[in-house]
Amino acid sequence: MSGLCSKVLVVEDEALIGMLLEDMLQDIGCEHVELVPRFTEGMQAAESGDFDLAVLDVNLDGVNSFPIADRLISRHIPLVFATGYGSVGMDPRYAHIPTLQKPFFFSDLERVVRQALAVD
C-alpha cells in the first residue's frame, strides 16, 4: 500500500511512541515521517513545513498541542490527534478531527489516517 501520503509530521514527546508511529506510518504507505518531540519544534514545523498529514500528541510534556493543530488547520493540513484519554477528554472544537487512542494497533492508526486523508 504505497503512496498513501508523501510527508507526515509527527509531534510526540515519548520517543518510543514516536518511533513506533514512524514505522507504522511508513508501513501504511507514508513515504517520509518528520518526528519532532517538543511543542516549539512542532509549531515551527506547522508554520513552515510542507506536509500531507500531521499526527499530534495532545499532551506534549504538560503543554497541549492545540495551537499547533490550529496552525495546521489554517494551512489546510489534515491531522490526527493521539492521546491516552481518547476523544472523551478532547476540546469540543476539535470533535471533527480523528483521534487515535493510545495504546493503539496498526489497524487503528491506518483507519484514522485514511479518515483524515478521506481515503477509502
PDB file of N, CA and C in Angstrom:
ATOM      1  N   MET A   1       0.846  -1.183   0.000  1.00  0.00           N
ATOM      2  CA  MET A   1       0.000   0.000   0.000  1.00  0.00           C
ATOM      3  C   MET A   1       0.889   1.242   0.000  1.00  0.00           C
ATOM      4  N   SER A   2       1.573   1.510  -1.091  1.00  0.00           N
ATOM      5  CA  SER A   2       2.499   2.634  -1.127  1.00  0.00           C
ATOM      6  C   SER A   2       1.811   3.887  -1.641  1.00  0.00           C
ATOM      7  N   GLY A   3       2.387   5.037  -1.277  1.00  0.00           N
ATOM      8  CA  GLY A   3       1.923   6.299  -1.797  1.00  0.00           C
ATOM      9  C   GLY A   3       0.692   6.877  -1.133  1.00  0.00           C
ATOM     10  N   LEU A   4       0.341   6.427   0.070  1.00  0.00           N
ATOM     11  CA  LEU A   4      -0.830   6.988   0.752  1.00  0.00           C
ATOM     12  C   LEU A   4      -0.624   8.474   1.018  1.00  0.00           C
ATOM     13  N   CYS A   5       0.579   8.837   1.443  1.00  0.00           N
ATOM     14  CA  CYS A   5       0.923  10.240   1.637  1.00  0.00           C
ATOM     15  C   CYS A   5       2.439  10.376   1.531  1.00  0.00           C
ATOM     16  N   SER A   6       2.885  11.544   1.131  1.00  0.00           N
ATOM     17  CA  SER A   6       4.319  11.760   0.935  1.00  0.00           C
ATOM     18  C   SER A   6       5.040  12.094   2.227  1.00  0.00           C
ATOM     19  N   LYS A   7       4.518  13.095   2.951  1.00  0.00           N
ATOM     20  CA  LYS A   7       5.257  13.583   4.106  1.00  0.00           C
ATOM     21  C   LYS A   7       4.317  13.808   5.292  1.00  0.00           C
ATOM     22  N   VAL A   8       4.694  13.228   6.435  1.00  0.00           N
ATOM     23  CA  VAL A   8       3.883  13.317   7.647  1.00  0.00           C
ATOM     24  C   VAL A   8       4.701  13.957   8.762  1.00  0.00           C
ATOM     25  N   LEU A   9       4.072  14.874   9.473  1.00  0.00           N
ATOM     26  CA  LEU A   9       4.647  15.454  10.684  1.00  0.00           C
ATOM     27  C   LEU A   9       4.104  14.687  11.872  1.00  0.00           C
ATOM     28  N   VAL A  10       4.987  14.192  12.727  1.00  0.00           N
ATOM     29  CA  VAL A  10       4.583  13.552  13.976  1.00  0.00           C
ATOM     30  C   VAL A  10       5.167  14.372  15.115  1.00  0.00           C
ATOM     31  N   VAL A  11       4.295  14.899  15.968  1.00  0.00           N
ATOM     32  CA  VAL A  11       4.729  15.639  17.148  1.00  0.00           C
ATOM     33  C   VAL A  11       4.381  14.769  18.353  1.00  0.00           C
ATOM     34  N   GLU A  12       5.404  14.151  18.929  1.00  0.00           N
ATOM     35  CA  GLU A  12       5.221  13.174  20.005  1.00  0.00           C
ATOM     36  C   GLU A  12       6.413  13.254  20.954  1.00  0.00           C
ATOM     37  N   ASP A  13       6.129  13.482  22.245  1.00  0.00           N
ATOM     38  CA  ASP A  13       7.223  13.668  23.213  1.00  0.00           C
ATOM     39  C   ASP A  13       7.762  12.361  23.790  1.00  0.00           C
ATOM     40  N   GLU A  14       7.065  11.248  23.584  1.00  0.00           N
ATOM     41  CA  GLU A  14       7.554   9.950  24.038  1.00  0.00           C
ATOM     42  C   GLU A  14       8.316   9.297  22.890  1.00  0.00           C
ATOM     43  N   ALA A  15       9.627   9.130  23.054  1.00  0.00           N
ATOM     44  CA  ALA A  15      10.481   8.658  21.962  1.00  0.00           C
ATOM     45  C   ALA A  15      10.028   7.313  21.392  1.00  0.00           C
ATOM     46  N   LEU A  16       9.694   6.354  22.269  1.00  0.00           N
ATOM     47  CA  LEU A  16       9.294   5.035  21.768  1.00  0.00           C
ATOM     48  C   LEU A  16       8.005   5.091  20.959  1.00  0.00           C
ATOM     49  N   ILE A  17       7.044   5.888  21.421  1.00  0.00           N
ATOM     50  CA  ILE A  17       5.787   6.027  20.685  1.00  0.00           C
ATOM     51  C   ILE A  17       6.053   6.719  19.356  1.00  0.00           C
ATOM     52  N   GLY A  18       6.921   7.724  19.357  1.00  0.00           N
ATOM     53  CA  GLY A  18       7.276   8.418  18.126  1.00  0.00           C
ATOM     54  C   GLY A  18       7.892   7.479  17.105  1.00  0.00           C
ATOM     55  N   MET A  19       8.816   6.637  17.554  1.00  0.00           N
ATOM     56  CA  MET A  19       9.454   5.683  16.640  1.00  0.00           C
ATOM     57  C   MET A  19       8.449   4.651  16.133  1.00  0.00           C
ATOM     58  N   LEU A  20       7.546   4.206  17.018  1.00  0.00           N
ATOM     59  CA  LEU A  20       6.507   3.270  16.619  1.00  0.00           C
ATOM     60  C   LEU A  20       5.594   3.897  15.557  1.00  0.00           C
ATOM     61  N   LEU A  21       5.182   5.142  15.793  1.00  0.00           N
ATOM     62  CA  LEU A  21       4.345   5.845  14.815  1.00  0.00           C
ATOM     63  C   LEU A  21       5.071   5.983  13.481  1.00  0.00           C
ATOM     64  N   GLU A  22       6.340   6.336  13.539  1.00  0.00           N
ATOM     65  CA  GLU A  22       7.127   6.498  12.318  1.00  0.00           C
ATOM     66  C   GLU A  22       7.145   5.201  11.502  1.00  0.00           C
ATOM     67  N   ASP A  23       7.437   4.086  12.173  1.00  0.00           N
ATOM     68  CA  ASP A  23       7.477   2.786  11.495  1.00  0.00           C
ATOM     69  C   ASP A  23       6.113   2.413  10.930  1.00  0.00           C
ATOM     70  N   MET A  24       5.074   2.581  11.731  1.00  0.00           N
ATOM     71  CA  MET A  24       3.733   2.201  11.287  1.00  0.00           C
ATOM     72  C   MET A  24       3.264   3.070  10.119  1.00  0.00           C
ATOM     73  N   LEU A  25       3.540   4.366  10.190  1.00  0.00           N
ATOM     74  CA  LEU A  25       3.133   5.266   9.103  1.00  0.00           C
ATOM     75  C   LEU A  25       3.830   4.883   7.800  1.00  0.00           C
ATOM     76  N   GLN A  26       5.105   4.514   7.897  1.00  0.00           N
ATOM     77  CA  GLN A  26       5.813   4.081   6.692  1.00  0.00           C
ATOM     78  C   GLN A  26       5.225   2.776   6.170  1.00  0.00           C
ATOM     79  N   ASP A  27       4.841   1.872   7.077  1.00  0.00           N
ATOM     80  CA  ASP A  27       4.216   0.613   6.663  1.00  0.00           C
ATOM     81  C   ASP A  27       2.856   0.849   5.994  1.00  0.00           C
ATOM     82  N   ILE A  28       2.150   1.893   6.414  1.00  0.00           N
ATOM     83  CA  ILE A  28       0.854   2.238   5.822  1.00  0.00           C
ATOM     84  C   ILE A  28       1.041   2.780   4.404  1.00  0.00           C
ATOM     85  N   GLY A  29       2.202   3.391   4.145  1.00  0.00           N
ATOM     86  CA  GLY A  29       2.453   3.945   2.818  1.00  0.00           C
ATOM     87  C   GLY A  29       2.798   5.421   2.834  1.00  0.00           C
ATOM     88  N   CYS A  30       3.130   5.941   3.994  1.00  0.00           N
ATOM     89  CA  CYS A  30       3.587   7.331   4.084  1.00  0.00           C
ATOM     90  C   CYS A  30       5.104   7.306   3.885  1.00  0.00           C
ATOM     91  N   GLU A  31       5.568   8.034   2.894  1.00  0.00           N
ATOM     92  CA  GLU A  31       6.946   7.908   2.447  1.00  0.00           C
ATOM     93  C   GLU A  31       7.977   8.518   3.390  1.00  0.00           C
ATOM     94  N   HIS A  32       7.681   9.685   3.939  1.00  0.00           N
ATOM     95  CA  HIS A  32       8.641  10.363   4.812  1.00  0.00           C
ATOM     96  C   HIS A  32       7.924  10.836   6.074  1.00  0.00           C
ATOM     97  N   VAL A  33       8.528  10.572   7.224  1.00  0.00           N
ATOM     98  CA  VAL A  33       7.963  10.995   8.501  1.00  0.00           C
ATOM     99  C   VAL A  33       8.972  11.905   9.191  1.00  0.00           C
ATOM    100  N   GLU A  34       8.522  13.108   9.541  1.00  0.00           N
ATOM    101  CA  GLU A  34       9.345  14.031  10.321  1.00  0.00           C
ATOM    102  C   GLU A  34       8.857  13.976  11.764  1.00  0.00           C
ATOM    103  N   LEU A  35       9.717  13.485  12.639  1.00  0.00           N
ATOM    104  CA  LEU A  35       9.368  13.295  14.041  1.00  0.00           C
ATOM    105  C   LEU A  35       9.985  14.406  14.875  1.00  0.00           C
ATOM    106  N   VAL A  36       9.140  15.151  15.589  1.00  0.00           N
ATOM    107  CA  VAL A  36       9.632  16.195  16.491  1.00  0.00           C
ATOM    108  C   VAL A  36       9.052  15.970  17.880  1.00  0.00           C
ATOM    109  N   PRO A  37       9.881  16.149  18.929  1.00  0.00           N
ATOM    110  CA  PRO A  37       9.445  15.789  20.277  1.00  0.00           C
ATOM    111  C   PRO A  37       8.897  16.934  21.135  1.00  0.00           C
ATOM    112  N   ARG A  38       9.000  18.165  20.695  1.00  0.00           N
ATOM    113  CA  ARG A  38       8.639  19.283  21.569  1.00  0.00           C
ATOM    114  C   ARG A  38       7.658  20.235  20.885  1.00  0.00           C
ATOM    115  N   PHE A  39       6.923  20.956  21.726  1.00  0.00           N
ATOM    116  CA  PHE A  39       5.927  21.906  21.240  1.00  0.00           C
ATOM    117  C   PHE A  39       6.544  22.932  20.295  1.00  0.00           C
ATOM    118  N   THR A  40       7.660  23.546  20.700  1.00  0.00           N
ATOM    119  CA  THR A  40       8.268  24.621  19.909  1.00  0.00           C
ATOM    120  C   THR A  40       8.649  24.128  18.517  1.00  0.00           C
ATOM    121  N   GLU A  41       9.274  22.955  18.450  1.00  0.00           N
ATOM    122  CA  GLU A  41       9.651  22.396  17.151  1.00  0.00           C
ATOM    123  C   GLU A  41       8.421  22.037  16.322  1.00  0.00           C
ATOM    124  N   GLY A  42       7.397  21.541  17.010  1.00  0.00           N
ATOM    125  CA  GLY A  42       6.146  21.210  16.327  1.00  0.00           C
ATOM    126  C   GLY A  42       5.484  22.438  15.739  1.00  0.00           C
ATOM    127  N   MET A  43       5.501  23.527  16.482  1.00  0.00           N
ATOM    128  CA  MET A  43       4.904  24.775  15.989  1.00  0.00           C
ATOM    129  C   MET A  43       5.690  25.314  14.799  1.00  0.00           C
ATOM    130  N   GLN A  44       7.020  25.249  14.880  1.00  0.00           N
ATOM    131  CA  GLN A  44       7.845  25.704  13.754  1.00  0.00           C
ATOM    132  C   GLN A  44       7.550  24.881  12.504  1.00  0.00           C
ATOM    133  N   ALA A  45       7.456  23.564  12.665  1.00  0.00           N
ATOM    134  CA  ALA A  45       7.160  22.696  11.529  1.00  0.00           C
ATOM    135  C   ALA A  45       5.769  22.999  10.971  1.00  0.00           C
ATOM    136  N   ALA A  46       4.796  23.228  11.857  1.00  0.00           N
ATOM    137  CA  ALA A  46       3.430  23.537  11.428  1.00  0.00           C
ATOM    138  C   ALA A  46       3.368  24.866  10.681  1.00  0.00           C
ATOM    139  N   GLU A  47       4.231  25.802  11.051  1.00  0.00           N
ATOM    140  CA  GLU A  47       4.270  27.118  10.415  1.00  0.00           C
ATOM    141  C   GLU A  47       4.804  27.048   8.988  1.00  0.00           C
ATOM    142  N   SER A  48       5.849  26.253   8.786  1.00  0.00           N
ATOM    143  CA  SER A  48       6.557  26.352   7.511  1.00  0.00           C
ATOM    144  C   SER A  48       6.715  25.039   6.752  1.00  0.00           C
ATOM    145  N   GLY A  49       6.411  23.903   7.386  1.00  0.00           N
ATOM    146  CA  GLY A  49       6.621  22.617   6.732  1.00  0.00           C
ATOM    147  C   GLY A  49       5.572  22.305   5.684  1.00  0.00           C
ATOM    148  N   ASP A  50       5.947  21.443   4.752  1.00  0.00           N
ATOM    149  CA  ASP A  50       5.051  21.008   3.689  1.00  0.00           C
ATOM    150  C   ASP A  50       4.670  19.557   3.982  1.00  0.00           C
ATOM    151  N   PHE A  51       3.483  19.357   4.540  1.00  0.00           N
ATOM    152  CA  PHE A  51       3.047  18.039   4.975  1.00  0.00           C
ATOM    153  C   PHE A  51       1.699  17.687   4.359  1.00  0.00           C
ATOM    154  N   ASP A  52       1.515  16.377   4.137  1.00  0.00           N
ATOM    155  CA  ASP A  52       0.219  15.862   3.700  1.00  0.00           C
ATOM    156  C   ASP A  52      -0.677  15.556   4.886  1.00  0.00           C
ATOM    157  N   LEU A  53      -0.044  15.367   6.062  1.00  0.00           N
ATOM    158  CA  LEU A  53      -0.762  14.917   7.253  1.00  0.00           C
ATOM    159  C   LEU A  53       0.102  15.208   8.473  1.00  0.00           C
ATOM    160  N   ALA A  54      -0.548  15.408   9.611  1.00  0.00           N
ATOM    161  CA  ALA A  54       0.164  15.536  10.884  1.00  0.00           C
ATOM    162  C   ALA A  54      -0.513  14.655  11.921  1.00  0.00           C
ATOM    163  N   VAL A  55       0.319  14.075  12.801  1.00  0.00           N
ATOM    164  CA  VAL A  55      -0.172  13.305  13.944  1.00  0.00           C
ATOM    165  C   VAL A  55       0.357  14.010  15.177  1.00  0.00           C
ATOM    166  N   LEU A  56      -0.553  14.505  16.011  1.00  0.00           N
ATOM    167  CA  LEU A  56      -0.172  15.297  17.178  1.00  0.00           C
ATOM    168  C   LEU A  56      -0.544  14.598  18.472  1.00  0.00           C
ATOM    169  N   ASP A  57       0.446  14.429  19.339  1.00  0.00           N
ATOM    170  CA  ASP A  57       0.165  14.035  20.715  1.00  0.00           C
ATOM    171  C   ASP A  57      -0.519  15.238  21.357  1.00  0.00           C
ATOM    172  N   VAL A  58      -1.625  15.022  22.034  1.00  0.00           N
ATOM    173  CA  VAL A  58      -2.370  16.135  22.630  1.00  0.00           C
ATOM    174  C   VAL A  58      -1.573  16.785  23.762  1.00  0.00           C
ATOM    175  N   ASN A  59      -0.888  15.970  24.565  1.00  0.00           N
ATOM    176  CA  ASN A  59      -0.152  16.476  25.723  1.00  0.00           C
ATOM    177  C   ASN A  59       1.343  16.317  25.473  1.00  0.00           C
ATOM    178  N   LEU A  60       2.014  17.434  25.231  1.00  0.00           N
ATOM    179  CA  LEU A  60       3.451  17.434  24.973  1.00  0.00           C
ATOM    180  C   LEU A  60       4.175  17.910  26.225  1.00  0.00           C
ATOM    181  N   ASP A  61       4.511  16.961  27.080  1.00  0.00           N
ATOM    182  CA  ASP A  61       5.219  17.268  28.321  1.00  0.00           C
ATOM    183  C   ASP A  61       4.508  18.372  29.106  1.00  0.00           C
ATOM    184  N   GLY A  62       3.181  18.233  29.235  1.00  0.00           N
ATOM    185  CA  GLY A  62       2.384  19.170  30.019  1.00  0.00           C
ATOM    186  C   GLY A  62       1.818  20.346  29.239  1.00  0.00           C
ATOM    187  N   VAL A  63       2.150  20.473  27.966  1.00  0.00           N
ATOM    188  CA  VAL A  63       1.649  21.559  27.121  1.00  0.00           C
ATOM    189  C   VAL A  63       0.746  20.941  26.059  1.00  0.00           C
ATOM    190  N   ASN A  64      -0.475  21.489  25.894  1.00  0.00           N
ATOM    191  CA  ASN A  64      -1.343  20.887  24.875  1.00  0.00           C
ATOM    192  C   ASN A  64      -0.956  21.374  23.482  1.00  0.00           C
ATOM    193  N   SER A  65      -1.223  20.527  22.515  1.00  0.00           N
ATOM    194  CA  SER A  65      -0.803  20.795  21.137  1.00  0.00           C
ATOM    195  C   SER A  65      -1.869  21.524  20.314  1.00  0.00           C
ATOM    196  N   PHE A  66      -2.921  22.019  20.938  1.00  0.00           N
ATOM    197  CA  PHE A  66      -3.991  22.660  20.191  1.00  0.00           C
ATOM    198  C   PHE A  66      -3.528  23.858  19.352  1.00  0.00           C
ATOM    199  N   PRO A  67      -2.597  24.709  19.829  1.00  0.00           N
ATOM    200  CA  PRO A  67      -2.119  25.792  18.954  1.00  0.00           C
ATOM    201  C   PRO A  67      -1.437  25.265  17.680  1.00  0.00           C
ATOM    202  N   ILE A  68      -0.751  24.135  17.782  1.00  0.00           N
ATOM    203  CA  ILE A  68      -0.153  23.524  16.587  1.00  0.00           C
ATOM    204  C   ILE A  68      -1.270  23.070  15.653  1.00  0.00           C
ATOM    205  N   ALA A  69      -2.286  22.428  16.228  1.00  0.00           N
ATOM    206  CA  ALA A  69      -3.430  21.986  15.428  1.00  0.00           C
ATOM    207  C   ALA A  69      -4.100  23.160  14.726  1.00  0.00           C
ATOM    208  N   ASP A  70      -4.280  24.266  15.440  1.00  0.00           N
ATOM    209  CA  ASP A  70      -4.912  25.447  14.843  1.00  0.00           C
ATOM    210  C   ASP A  70      -4.121  25.948  13.640  1.00  0.00           C
ATOM    211  N   ARG A  71      -2.794  25.946  13.770  1.00  0.00           N
ATOM    212  CA  ARG A  71      -1.949  26.404  12.657  1.00  0.00           C
ATOM    213  C   ARG A  71      -2.074  25.455  11.469  1.00  0.00           C
ATOM    214  N   LEU A  72      -2.055  24.156  11.732  1.00  0.00           N
ATOM    215  CA  LEU A  72      -2.203  23.182  10.649  1.00  0.00           C
ATOM    216  C   LEU A  72      -3.558  23.314   9.973  1.00  0.00           C
ATOM    217  N   ILE A  73      -4.604  23.476  10.768  1.00  0.00           N
ATOM    218  CA  ILE A  73      -5.960  23.637  10.224  1.00  0.00           C
ATOM    219  C   ILE A  73      -6.018  24.876   9.335  1.00  0.00           C
ATOM    220  N   SER A  74      -5.405  25.962   9.781  1.00  0.00           N
ATOM    221  CA  SER A  74      -5.425  27.204   8.991  1.00  0.00           C
ATOM    222  C   SER A  74      -4.677  27.038   7.667  1.00  0.00           C
ATOM    223  N   ARG A  75      -3.756  26.082   7.626  1.00  0.00           N
ATOM    224  CA  ARG A  75      -2.992  25.798   6.400  1.00  0.00           C
ATOM    225  C   ARG A  75      -3.601  24.630   5.610  1.00  0.00           C
ATOM    226  N   HIS A  76      -4.758  24.149   6.057  1.00  0.00           N
ATOM    227  CA  HIS A  76      -5.484  23.059   5.376  1.00  0.00           C
ATOM    228  C   HIS A  76      -4.670  21.770   5.315  1.00  0.00           C
ATOM    229  N   ILE A  77      -3.946  21.482   6.388  1.00  0.00           N
ATOM    230  CA  ILE A  77      -3.192  20.240   6.509  1.00  0.00           C
ATOM    231  C   ILE A  77      -3.994  19.293   7.395  1.00  0.00           C
ATOM    232  N   PRO A  78      -4.401  18.149   6.878  1.00  0.00           N
ATOM    233  CA  PRO A  78      -5.172  17.192   7.679  1.00  0.00           C
ATOM    234  C   PRO A  78      -4.358  16.721   8.888  1.00  0.00           C
ATOM    235  N   LEU A  79      -5.055  16.424   9.971  1.00  0.00           N
ATOM    236  CA  LEU A  79      -4.347  15.967  11.156  1.00  0.00           C
ATOM    237  C   LEU A  79      -5.143  14.935  11.926  1.00  0.00           C
ATOM    238  N   VAL A  80      -4.398  14.257  12.788  1.00  0.00           N
ATOM    239  CA  VAL A  80      -4.934  13.251  13.688  1.00  0.00           C
ATOM    240  C   VAL A  80      -4.378  13.566  15.066  1.00  0.00           C
ATOM    241  N   PHE A  81      -5.216  13.507  16.078  1.00  0.00           N
ATOM    242  CA  PHE A  81      -4.735  13.616  17.454  1.00  0.00           C
ATOM    243  C   PHE A  81      -4.441  12.224  17.992  1.00  0.00           C
ATOM    244  N   ALA A  82      -3.400  12.119  18.808  1.00  0.00           N
ATOM    245  CA  ALA A  82      -3.091  10.879  19.517  1.00  0.00           C
ATOM    246  C   ALA A  82      -3.090  11.206  21.006  1.00  0.00           C
ATOM    247  N   THR A  83      -3.841  10.432  21.775  1.00  0.00           N
ATOM    248  CA  THR A  83      -3.952  10.727  23.196  1.00  0.00           C
ATOM    249  C   THR A  83      -4.304   9.476  23.990  1.00  0.00           C
ATOM    250  N   GLY A  84      -3.818   9.434  25.198  1.00  0.00           N
ATOM    251  CA  GLY A  84      -4.170   8.342  26.100  1.00  0.00           C
ATOM    252  C   GLY A  84      -5.577   8.485  26.657  1.00  0.00           C
ATOM    253  N   TYR A  85      -6.169   9.658  26.479  1.00  0.00           N
ATOM    254  CA  TYR A  85      -7.504   9.924  27.015  1.00  0.00           C
ATOM    255  C   TYR A  85      -8.609   9.631  26.018  1.00  0.00           C
ATOM    256  N   GLY A  86      -8.268   9.410  24.760  1.00  0.00           N
ATOM    257  CA  GLY A  86      -9.285   9.194  23.737  1.00  0.00           C
ATOM    258  C   GLY A  86     -10.044  10.476  23.453  1.00  0.00           C
ATOM    259  N   SER A  87     -11.137  10.370  22.737  1.00  0.00           N
ATOM    260  CA  SER A  87     -11.895  11.564  22.353  1.00  0.00           C
ATOM    261  C   SER A  87     -12.687  12.147  23.519  1.00  0.00           C
ATOM    262  N   VAL A  88     -12.789  11.415  24.630  1.00  0.00           N
ATOM    263  CA  VAL A  88     -13.574  11.874  25.784  1.00  0.00           C
ATOM    264  C   VAL A  88     -13.031  13.187  26.356  1.00  0.00           C
ATOM    265  N   GLY A  89     -11.728  13.302  26.501  1.00  0.00           N
ATOM    266  CA  GLY A  89     -11.138  14.490  27.100  1.00  0.00           C
ATOM    267  C   GLY A  89     -10.796  15.590  26.117  1.00  0.00           C
ATOM    268  N   MET A  90     -11.246  15.463  24.876  1.00  0.00           N
ATOM    269  CA  MET A  90     -10.885  16.429  23.848  1.00  0.00           C
ATOM    270  C   MET A  90     -11.731  17.693  23.921  1.00  0.00           C
ATOM    271  N   ASP A  91     -11.131  18.792  23.521  1.00  0.00           N
ATOM    272  CA  ASP A  91     -11.833  20.058  23.380  1.00  0.00           C
ATOM    273  C   ASP A  91     -12.876  19.885  22.265  1.00  0.00           C
ATOM    274  N   PRO A  92     -14.135  20.264  22.519  1.00  0.00           N
ATOM    275  CA  PRO A  92     -15.191  20.075  21.522  1.00  0.00           C
ATOM    276  C   PRO A  92     -14.917  20.786  20.185  1.00  0.00           C
ATOM    277  N   ARG A  93     -14.059  21.803  20.192  1.00  0.00           N
ATOM    278  CA  ARG A  93     -13.733  22.489  18.935  1.00  0.00           C
ATOM    279  C   ARG A  93     -13.076  21.547  17.928  1.00  0.00           C
ATOM    280  N   TYR A  94     -12.513  20.453  18.432  1.00  0.00           N
ATOM    281  CA  TYR A  94     -11.777  19.527  17.572  1.00  0.00           C
ATOM    282  C   TYR A  94     -12.522  18.203  17.382  1.00  0.00           C
ATOM    283  N   ALA A  95     -13.823  18.216  17.606  1.00  0.00           N
ATOM    284  CA  ALA A  95     -14.623  16.989  17.502  1.00  0.00           C
ATOM    285  C   ALA A  95     -14.556  16.371  16.103  1.00  0.00           C
ATOM    286  N   HIS A  96     -14.301  17.179  15.091  1.00  0.00           N
ATOM    287  CA  HIS A  96     -14.247  16.690  13.708  1.00  0.00           C
ATOM    288  C   HIS A  96     -12.888  16.088  13.340  1.00  0.00           C
ATOM    289  N   ILE A  97     -11.904  16.202  14.228  1.00  0.00           N
ATOM    290  CA  ILE A  97     -10.561  15.685  13.964  1.00  0.00           C
ATOM    291  C   ILE A  97     -10.487  14.226  14.434  1.00  0.00           C
ATOM    292  N   PRO A  98     -10.043  13.306  13.576  1.00  0.00           N
ATOM    293  CA  PRO A  98      -9.902  11.913  14.021  1.00  0.00           C
ATOM    294  C   PRO A  98      -8.947  11.809  15.215  1.00  0.00           C
ATOM    295  N   THR A  99      -9.303  10.968  16.179  1.00  0.00           N
ATOM    296  CA  THR A  99      -8.495  10.799  17.390  1.00  0.00           C
ATOM    297  C   THR A  99      -8.074   9.345  17.529  1.00  0.00           C
ATOM    298  N   LEU A 100      -6.783   9.174  17.732  1.00  0.00           N
ATOM    299  CA  LEU A 100      -6.193   7.860  17.926  1.00  0.00           C
ATOM    300  C   LEU A 100      -5.950   7.681  19.413  1.00  0.00           C
ATOM    301  N   GLN A 101      -6.615   6.715  20.015  1.00  0.00           N
ATOM    302  CA  GLN A 101      -6.446   6.485  21.451  1.00  0.00           C
ATOM    303  C   GLN A 101      -5.256   5.567  21.698  1.00  0.00           C
ATOM    304  N   LYS A 102      -4.355   6.026  22.565  1.00  0.00           N
ATOM    305  CA  LYS A 102      -3.205   5.207  22.969  1.00  0.00           C
ATOM    306  C   LYS A 102      -3.638   4.283  24.093  1.00  0.00           C
ATOM    307  N   PRO A 103      -3.148   3.071  24.177  1.00  0.00           N
ATOM    308  CA  PRO A 103      -2.332   2.385  23.169  1.00  0.00           C
ATOM    309  C   PRO A 103      -3.191   2.027  21.967  1.00  0.00           C
ATOM    310  N   PHE A 104      -2.551   1.879  20.815  1.00  0.00           N
ATOM    311  CA  PHE A 104      -3.282   1.635  19.585  1.00  0.00           C
ATOM    312  C   PHE A 104      -2.634   0.491  18.814  1.00  0.00           C
ATOM    313  N   PHE A 105      -3.407  -0.040  17.890  1.00  0.00           N
ATOM    314  CA  PHE A 105      -2.934  -1.081  16.990  1.00  0.00           C
ATOM    315  C   PHE A 105      -2.714  -0.483  15.611  1.00  0.00           C
ATOM    316  N   PHE A 106      -1.995  -1.207  14.783  1.00  0.00           N
ATOM    317  CA  PHE A 106      -1.739  -0.787  13.408  1.00  0.00           C
ATOM    318  C   PHE A 106      -3.045  -0.442  12.691  1.00  0.00           C
ATOM    319  N   SER A 107      -4.046  -1.296  12.845  1.00  0.00           N
ATOM    320  CA  SER A 107      -5.333  -1.080  12.156  1.00  0.00           C
ATOM    321  C   SER A 107      -6.010   0.214  12.619  1.00  0.00           C
ATOM    322  N   ASP A 108      -5.828   0.579  13.899  1.00  0.00           N
ATOM    323  CA  ASP A 108      -6.395   1.834  14.416  1.00  0.00           C
ATOM    324  C   ASP A 108      -5.742   3.032  13.731  1.00  0.00           C
ATOM    325  N   LEU A 109      -4.402   2.983  13.641  1.00  0.00           N
ATOM    326  CA  LEU A 109      -3.667   4.075  13.004  1.00  0.00           C
ATOM    327  C   LEU A 109      -4.053   4.179  11.531  1.00  0.00           C
ATOM    328  N   GLU A 110      -4.094   3.058  10.856  1.00  0.00           N
ATOM    329  CA  GLU A 110      -4.453   3.079   9.434  1.00  0.00           C
ATOM    330  C   GLU A 110      -5.850   3.675   9.231  1.00  0.00           C
ATOM    331  N   ARG A 111      -6.788   3.308  10.099  1.00  0.00           N
ATOM    332  CA  ARG A 111      -8.165   3.819   9.989  1.00  0.00           C
ATOM    333  C   ARG A 111      -8.220   5.334  10.137  1.00  0.00           C
ATOM    334  N   VAL A 112      -7.547   5.890  11.163  1.00  0.00           N
ATOM    335  CA  VAL A 112      -7.631   7.344  11.377  1.00  0.00           C
ATOM    336  C   VAL A 112      -6.849   8.120  10.326  1.00  0.00           C
ATOM    337  N   VAL A 113      -5.761   7.536   9.826  1.00  0.00           N
ATOM    338  CA  VAL A 113      -5.018   8.197   8.744  1.00  0.00           C
ATOM    339  C   VAL A 113      -5.880   8.276   7.498  1.00  0.00           C
ATOM    340  N   ARG A 114      -6.511   7.165   7.151  1.00  0.00           N
ATOM    341  CA  ARG A 114      -7.391   7.161   5.986  1.00  0.00           C
ATOM    342  C   ARG A 114      -8.575   8.113   6.184  1.00  0.00           C
ATOM    343  N   GLN A 115      -9.084   8.172   7.400  1.00  0.00           N
ATOM    344  CA  GLN A 115     -10.184   9.091   7.704  1.00  0.00           C
ATOM    345  C   GLN A 115      -9.730  10.538   7.534  1.00  0.00           C
ATOM    346  N   ALA A 116      -8.561  10.871   8.060  1.00  0.00           N
ATOM    347  CA  ALA A 116      -8.050  12.241   7.964  1.00  0.00           C
ATOM    348  C   ALA A 116      -7.791  12.651   6.520  1.00  0.00           C
ATOM    349  N   LEU A 117      -7.300  11.680   5.729  1.00  0.00           N
ATOM    350  CA  LEU A 117      -6.995  11.963   4.335  1.00  0.00           C
ATOM    351  C   LEU A 117      -8.199  11.740   3.423  1.00  0.00           C
ATOM    352  N   ALA A 118      -9.307  11.264   4.014  1.00  0.00           N
ATOM    353  CA  ALA A 118     -10.542  10.968   3.273  1.00  0.00           C
ATOM    354  C   ALA A 118     -10.266  10.002   2.133  1.00  0.00           C
ATOM    355  N   VAL A 119      -9.555   8.898   2.469  1.00  0.00           N
ATOM    356  CA  VAL A 119      -9.221   7.856   1.504  1.00  0.00           C
ATOM    357  C   VAL A 119      -9.969   6.590   1.928  1.00  0.00           C
ATOM    358  N   ASP A 120     -10.636   5.955   0.989  1.00  0.00           N
ATOM    359  CA  ASP A 120     -11.340   4.697   1.301  1.00  0.00           C
ATOM    360  C   ASP A 120     -10.408   3.524   1.310  1.00  0.00           C
TER     361      ASP A 120
END
